[in-house]
Amino acid sequence: MVSTIRVTPPTFDGKIPWASYIKQFEAASEANAWSPHEKAVALTVALRGEALYVLQARIAEDIGDYEELLRRLEMRFG
């Protein structure tokens, strides 16, 4: 049976511990069977406030690079 439930990850603004947030995000990603590109898009739209500034240094071609986005967020908040 295929589940039709979609798990929405919470937003991340940099005020909660990164390790706690990324565990929730990865759980949502697994439940939704997201590809790396889908994870990058979902994480990008979940960012708020200070965490959103991480994207300012990214170029448009990198927007779907989940590993690069994780690296930048971990450098700043991890």
C-alpha atoms as a PDB file:
ATOM      1  CA  MET A   1       0.000   0.000   0.000  1.00  0.00           C
ATOM      2  CA  VAL A   2       1.342   3.420  -0.952  1.00  0.00           C
ATOM      3  CA  SER A   3       0.845   6.147   1.614  1.00  0.00           C
ATOM      4  CA  THR A   4      -0.657   9.429   0.477  1.00  0.00           C
ATOM      5  CA  ILE A   5       0.347  11.247   3.657  1.00  0.00           C
ATOM      6  CA  ARG A   6       2.893  13.990   3.056  1.00  0.00           C
ATOM      7  CA  VAL A   7       5.117  14.978   5.941  1.00  0.00           C
ATOM      8  CA  THR A   8       6.000  18.662   6.012  1.00  0.00           C
ATOM      9  CA  PRO A   9       9.249  19.523   7.777  1.00  0.00           C
ATOM     10  CA  PRO A  10       9.216  22.459  10.187  1.00  0.00           C
ATOM     11  CA  THR A  11      10.847  25.753   9.292  1.00  0.00           C
ATOM     12  CA  PHE A  12      14.408  26.517  10.384  1.00  0.00           C
ATOM     13  CA  ASP A  13      15.417  30.010  11.464  1.00  0.00           C
ATOM     14  CA  GLY A  14      18.705  29.209  13.189  1.00  0.00           C
ATOM     15  CA  LYS A  15      17.292  29.623  16.700  1.00  0.00           C
ATOM     16  CA  ILE A  16      16.881  25.917  17.452  1.00  0.00           C
ATOM     17  CA  PRO A  17      19.809  23.467  17.446  1.00  0.00           C
ATOM     18  CA  TRP A  18      20.777  22.465  13.922  1.00  0.00           C
ATOM     19  CA  ALA A  19      21.256  18.805  14.925  1.00  0.00           C
ATOM     20  CA  SER A  20      17.682  18.608  16.205  1.00  0.00           C
ATOM     21  CA  TYR A  21      16.249  20.282  13.130  1.00  0.00           C
ATOM     22  CA  ILE A  22      18.110  18.199  10.556  1.00  0.00           C
ATOM     23  CA  LYS A  23      16.931  14.973  12.233  1.00  0.00           C
ATOM     24  CA  GLN A  24      13.322  16.106  11.790  1.00  0.00           C
ATOM     25  CA  PHE A  25      13.996  17.208   8.236  1.00  0.00           C
ATOM     26  CA  GLU A  26      15.631  13.897   7.305  1.00  0.00           C
ATOM     27  CA  ALA A  27      12.676  11.996   8.832  1.00  0.00           C
ATOM     28  CA  ALA A  28      10.279  13.999   6.656  1.00  0.00           C
ATOM     29  CA  SER A  29      12.519  13.438   3.652  1.00  0.00           C
ATOM     30  CA  GLU A  30      12.525   9.686   4.182  1.00  0.00           C
ATOM     31  CA  ALA A  31       8.763   9.539   4.750  1.00  0.00           C
ATOM     32  CA  ASN A  32       8.206  11.454   1.510  1.00  0.00           C
ATOM     33  CA  ALA A  33      10.856   9.485  -0.444  1.00  0.00           C
ATOM     34  CA  TRP A  34      12.445  12.711  -1.703  1.00  0.00           C
ATOM     35  CA  SER A  35      15.305  12.696  -4.184  1.00  0.00           C
ATOM     36  CA  PRO A  36      18.380  14.800  -3.330  1.00  0.00           C
ATOM     37  CA  HIS A  37      17.032  17.597  -5.548  1.00  0.00           C
ATOM     38  CA  GLU A  38      13.633  17.490  -3.817  1.00  0.00           C
ATOM     39  CA  LYS A  39      15.389  17.614  -0.432  1.00  0.00           C
ATOM     40  CA  ALA A  40      17.306  20.713  -1.524  1.00  0.00           C
ATOM     41  CA  VAL A  41      14.124  22.436  -2.657  1.00  0.00           C
ATOM     42  CA  ALA A  42      12.217  21.489   0.518  1.00  0.00           C
ATOM     43  CA  LEU A  43      15.064  22.632   2.763  1.00  0.00           C
ATOM     44  CA  THR A  44      15.388  25.893   0.848  1.00  0.00           C
ATOM     45  CA  VAL A  45      11.717  26.774   1.300  1.00  0.00           C
ATOM     46  CA  ALA A  46      11.879  25.790   4.997  1.00  0.00           C
ATOM     47  CA  LEU A  47      14.549  28.391   5.790  1.00  0.00           C
ATOM     48  CA  ARG A  48      13.583  31.601   7.562  1.00  0.00           C
ATOM     49  CA  GLY A  49      15.332  34.580   9.096  1.00  0.00           C
ATOM     50  CA  GLU A  50      19.048  34.225   9.690  1.00  0.00           C
ATOM     51  CA  ALA A  51      19.138  30.764   8.125  1.00  0.00           C
ATOM     52  CA  LEU A  52      17.783  32.167   4.875  1.00  0.00           C
ATOM     53  CA  TYR A  53      20.907  34.338   4.504  1.00  0.00           C
ATOM     54  CA  VAL A  54      22.913  31.176   3.817  1.00  0.00           C
ATOM     55  CA  LEU A  55      21.352  31.212   0.353  1.00  0.00           C
ATOM     56  CA  GLN A  56      22.673  34.659  -0.503  1.00  0.00           C
ATOM     57  CA  ALA A  57      26.112  33.228  -1.205  1.00  0.00           C
ATOM     58  CA  ARG A  58      24.722  30.503  -3.469  1.00  0.00           C
ATOM     59  CA  ILE A  59      24.589  30.823  -7.216  1.00  0.00           C
ATOM     60  CA  ALA A  60      21.444  29.830  -9.118  1.00  0.00           C
ATOM     61  CA  GLU A  61      22.994  26.654 -10.551  1.00  0.00           C
ATOM     62  CA  ASP A  62      23.622  25.335  -7.016  1.00  0.00           C
ATOM     63  CA  ILE A  63      20.073  25.800  -5.720  1.00  0.00           C
ATOM     64  CA  GLY A  64      19.267  22.082  -6.131  1.00  0.00           C
ATOM     65  CA  ASP A  65      22.517  20.804  -4.579  1.00  0.00           C
ATOM     66  CA  TYR A  66      21.403  19.282  -1.274  1.00  0.00           C
ATOM     67  CA  GLU A  67      24.890  18.342  -0.076  1.00  0.00           C
ATOM     68  CA  GLU A  68      26.198  21.866  -0.688  1.00  0.00           C
ATOM     69  CA  LEU A  69      23.241  23.420   1.115  1.00  0.00           C
ATOM     70  CA  LEU A  70      23.775  21.059   4.061  1.00  0.00           C
ATOM     71  CA  ARG A  71      27.476  21.923   4.143  1.00  0.00           C
ATOM     72  CA  ARG A  72      26.765  25.650   4.282  1.00  0.00           C
ATOM     73  CA  LEU A  73      24.096  25.302   6.971  1.00  0.00           C
ATOM     74  CA  GLU A  74      26.288  23.008   9.075  1.00  0.00           C
ATOM     75  CA  MET A  75      29.190  25.459   8.812  1.00  0.00           C
ATOM     76  CA  ARG A  76      26.968  28.251  10.084  1.00  0.00           C
ATOM     77  CA  PHE A  77      24.688  26.492  12.571  1.00  0.00           C
ATOM     78  CA  GLY A  78      26.243  23.073  13.264  1.00  0.00           C
END
